[in-house]
Protein backbone atom coordinates (compact mmCIF):
# COMPACT_ATOMS: atom_id res chain seq x y z
CA MET A 1 -5.18 15.16 -10.85
CA ARG A 2 -2.40 13.39 -8.94
CA ARG A 3 -0.51 11.13 -10.79
CA THR A 4 -0.49 7.20 -8.89
CA GLY A 5 2.94 6.87 -6.53
CA LEU A 6 4.67 3.47 -7.36
CA THR A 7 4.69 3.47 -3.66
CA GLU A 8 1.33 3.27 -3.38
CA PHE A 9 1.26 0.04 -5.94
CA ASP A 10 4.43 -1.40 -4.01
CA ALA A 11 2.44 -1.25 -1.05
CA VAL A 12 -0.23 -2.89 -3.00
CA LEU A 13 1.11 -6.05 -4.00
CA ALA A 14 3.36 -5.92 -0.83
CA VAL A 15 0.93 -6.54 1.81
CA SER A 16 -0.34 -8.94 -1.23
CA ARG A 17 2.45 -11.34 -1.45
CA ARG A 18 3.21 -10.87 2.42
CA GLY A 19 -0.66 -11.51 3.67
CA SER A 20 -0.04 -8.60 6.09
CA PHE A 21 0.63 -4.82 5.81
CA ARG A 22 3.50 -5.37 8.73
CA ALA A 23 5.40 -7.88 7.04
CA ALA A 24 4.95 -5.61 3.52
CA ALA A 25 5.89 -3.12 5.66
CA ARG A 26 9.61 -5.08 6.34
CA GLU A 27 10.11 -5.81 3.14
CA LEU A 28 10.29 -2.15 1.65
CA GLY A 29 12.01 -0.64 5.15
CA MET A 30 8.76 1.05 5.82
CA SER A 31 6.84 1.82 8.41
CA THR A 32 3.00 -0.03 9.19
CA SER A 33 1.61 2.99 8.93
CA ALA A 34 3.46 4.21 5.90
CA ILE A 35 1.57 1.10 3.84
CA SER A 36 -1.48 1.88 5.77
CA ALA A 37 -1.36 5.35 4.62
CA ALA A 38 -0.31 4.44 0.91
CA VAL A 39 -3.05 0.93 0.67
CA ALA A 40 -5.40 3.64 1.50
CA ALA A 41 -4.87 6.79 -0.34
CA LEU A 42 -5.07 4.04 -3.67
CA GLU A 43 -8.62 2.03 -1.90
CA GLN A 44 -9.50 6.59 -2.56
CA ARG A 45 -7.96 6.98 -5.81
CA LEU A 46 -9.88 3.82 -7.83
CA ALA A 47 -12.51 4.24 -5.22
CA VAL A 48 -12.05 0.24 -4.45
CA ARG A 49 -11.73 -1.47 -1.64
CA LEU A 50 -8.70 -3.43 -2.26
CA PHE A 51 -8.10 -5.41 1.02
């Protein structure tokens, strides 16, 4: 079983805090697609839709 990475939690928290994937990407210095992938990975892992 794969452990959930901090990047996934960081991405979700940044999207929640900033209100958009683009703003979260800027905050974390990541691409928007990387933020989207991290959120999708956590959603899949938890079997719940977060956004």
